[in-house]
C-alpha atoms as a PDB file:
ATOM      1  CA  MET A   1     -41.117 -32.274   3.713  1.00  0.00           C
ATOM      2  CA  SER A   2     -38.785 -33.977   6.181  1.00  0.00           C
ATOM      3  CA  VAL A   3     -36.452 -36.777   5.211  1.00  0.00           C
ATOM      4  CA  GLU A   4     -36.212 -39.679   7.630  1.00  0.00           C
ATOM      5  CA  PRO A   5     -32.669 -40.719   8.510  1.00  0.00           C
ATOM      6  CA  ARG A   6     -31.491 -44.198   7.600  1.00  0.00           C
ATOM      7  CA  VAL A   7     -32.286 -46.572  10.454  1.00  0.00           C
ATOM      8  CA  ASP A   8     -30.927 -50.085  10.027  1.00  0.00           C
ATOM      9  CA  GLU A   9     -32.063 -53.358  11.580  1.00  0.00           C
ATOM     10  CA  LEU A  10     -29.736 -52.998  14.579  1.00  0.00           C
ATOM     11  CA  ASP A  11     -31.019 -49.471  15.226  1.00  0.00           C
ATOM     12  CA  MET A  12     -34.566 -50.851  15.134  1.00  0.00           C
ATOM     13  CA  LYS A  13     -33.637 -53.474  17.739  1.00  0.00           C
ATOM     14  CA  ILE A  14     -32.119 -50.762  19.934  1.00  0.00           C
ATOM     15  CA  LEU A  15     -35.244 -48.605  19.572  1.00  0.00           C
ATOM     16  CA  ILE A  16     -37.496 -51.534  20.513  1.00  0.00           C
ATOM     17  CA  LEU A  17     -35.434 -52.230  23.627  1.00  0.00           C
ATOM     18  CA  MET A  18     -35.399 -48.526  24.537  1.00  0.00           C
ATOM     19  CA  ARG A  19     -39.177 -48.429  24.127  1.00  0.00           C
ATOM     20  CA  ASP A  20     -39.438 -51.480  26.387  1.00  0.00           C
ATOM     21  CA  GLY A  21     -37.466 -49.651  29.097  1.00  0.00           C
ATOM     22  CA  TYR A  22     -34.123 -51.421  28.957  1.00  0.00           C
ATOM     23  CA  PRO A  23     -31.028 -49.476  30.091  1.00  0.00           C
ATOM     24  CA  ASP A  24     -28.087 -49.171  27.697  1.00  0.00           C
ATOM     25  CA  VAL A  25     -26.073 -51.925  29.396  1.00  0.00           C
ATOM     26  CA  ALA A  26     -28.934 -54.432  29.031  1.00  0.00           C
ATOM     27  CA  ILE A  27     -29.548 -53.334  25.435  1.00  0.00           C
ATOM     28  CA  GLY A  28     -25.882 -53.951  24.709  1.00  0.00           C
ATOM     29  CA  ARG A  29     -26.077 -57.445  26.154  1.00  0.00           C
ATOM     30  CA  LYS A  30     -29.176 -58.285  24.118  1.00  0.00           C
ATOM     31  CA  VAL A  31     -27.657 -57.106  20.823  1.00  0.00           C
ATOM     32  CA  SER A  32     -24.066 -58.156  21.591  1.00  0.00           C
ATOM     33  CA  LEU A  33     -22.587 -54.658  21.720  1.00  0.00           C
ATOM     34  CA  SER A  34     -20.889 -52.637  24.432  1.00  0.00           C
ATOM     35  CA  HIS A  35     -23.070 -50.085  26.191  1.00  0.00           C
ATOM     36  CA  ARG A  36     -20.864 -47.333  24.726  1.00  0.00           C
ATOM     37  CA  THR A  37     -21.536 -48.560  21.191  1.00  0.00           C
ATOM     38  CA  VAL A  38     -25.260 -48.563  21.998  1.00  0.00           C
ATOM     39  CA  GLN A  39     -24.953 -44.974  23.249  1.00  0.00           C
ATOM     40  CA  ARG A  40     -23.055 -43.946  20.113  1.00  0.00           C
ATOM     41  CA  ARG A  41     -25.716 -45.478  17.869  1.00  0.00           C
ATOM     42  CA  ILE A  42     -28.441 -43.678  19.838  1.00  0.00           C
ATOM     43  CA  CYS A  43     -26.533 -40.397  19.433  1.00  0.00           C
ATOM     44  CA  ARG A  44     -26.169 -41.074  15.701  1.00  0.00           C
ATOM     45  CA  MET A  45     -29.925 -41.596  15.419  1.00  0.00           C
ATOM     46  CA  MET A  46     -30.583 -38.361  17.321  1.00  0.00           C
ATOM     47  CA  ASP A  47     -28.201 -36.514  15.000  1.00  0.00           C
ATOM     48  CA  GLY A  48     -29.907 -38.069  11.983  1.00  0.00           C
ATOM     49  CA  PHE A  49     -33.301 -36.839  13.168  1.00  0.00           C
ATOM     50  CA  GLY A  50     -31.807 -33.456  14.049  1.00  0.00           C
ATOM     51  CA  ILE A  51     -32.930 -33.620  17.675  1.00  0.00           C
ATOM     52  CA  VAL A  52     -31.366 -33.453  21.122  1.00  0.00           C
ATOM     53  CA  GLY A  53     -32.223 -35.953  23.840  1.00  0.00           C
ATOM     54  CA  ARG A  54     -33.491 -39.473  24.146  1.00  0.00           C
ATOM     55  CA  PHE A  55     -37.008 -38.383  25.035  1.00  0.00           C
ATOM     56  CA  ALA A  56     -37.182 -36.336  21.845  1.00  0.00           C
ATOM     57  CA  LEU A  57     -35.898 -39.377  19.931  1.00  0.00           C
ATOM     58  CA  GLY A  58     -38.739 -41.448  21.345  1.00  0.00           C
ATOM     59  CA  LEU A  59     -41.267 -38.807  20.321  1.00  0.00           C
ATOM     60  CA  ARG A  60     -39.850 -38.574  16.815  1.00  0.00           C
ATOM     61  CA  VAL A  61     -39.861 -42.354  16.409  1.00  0.00           C
ATOM     62  CA  ALA A  62     -43.497 -42.436  17.547  1.00  0.00           C
ATOM     63  CA  GLU A  63     -44.453 -39.543  15.235  1.00  0.00           C
ATOM     64  CA  SER A  64     -42.791 -41.188  12.249  1.00  0.00           C
ATOM     65  CA  GLN A  65     -44.369 -44.564  13.124  1.00  0.00           C
ATOM     66  CA  LEU A  66     -41.041 -46.375  12.753  1.00  0.00           C
ATOM     67  CA  LEU A  67     -42.125 -48.975  15.311  1.00  0.00           C
ATOM     68  CA  GLU A  68     -45.426 -50.773  15.362  1.00  0.00           C
ATOM     69  CA  GLU A  69     -47.040 -51.225  18.793  1.00  0.00           C
ATOM     70  CA  ASN A  70     -46.637 -54.989  18.735  1.00  0.00           C
ATOM     71  CA  GLU A  71     -43.179 -55.006  17.128  1.00  0.00           C
ATOM     72  CA  SER A  72     -40.624 -56.982  19.105  1.00  0.00           C
ATOM     73  CA  LEU A  73     -37.160 -58.414  18.685  1.00  0.00           C
ATOM     74  CA  ASP A  74     -38.830 -61.565  17.340  1.00  0.00           C
ATOM     75  CA  THR A  75     -39.691 -59.518  14.255  1.00  0.00           C
ATOM     76  CA  PHE A  76     -35.993 -59.627  13.338  1.00  0.00           C
ATOM     77  CA  ALA A  77     -35.321 -63.274  14.200  1.00  0.00           C
END
């Protein structure tokens, strides 16, 4: 049995924007963070899932069904 890492609301917003193809700089602008902070949060999520690489993060998020297909930033408004 695997334990899912804690993913907060900001992480969910970052994952949605990653899924939608935004680069780190644009993600940072949309969530009012620097691109380095976005990168650090992505690395923290990868560490939490015990994986290496953004592609693997995307696969793990899809496998764990963290995001719904139609989920958008409006979900968190």
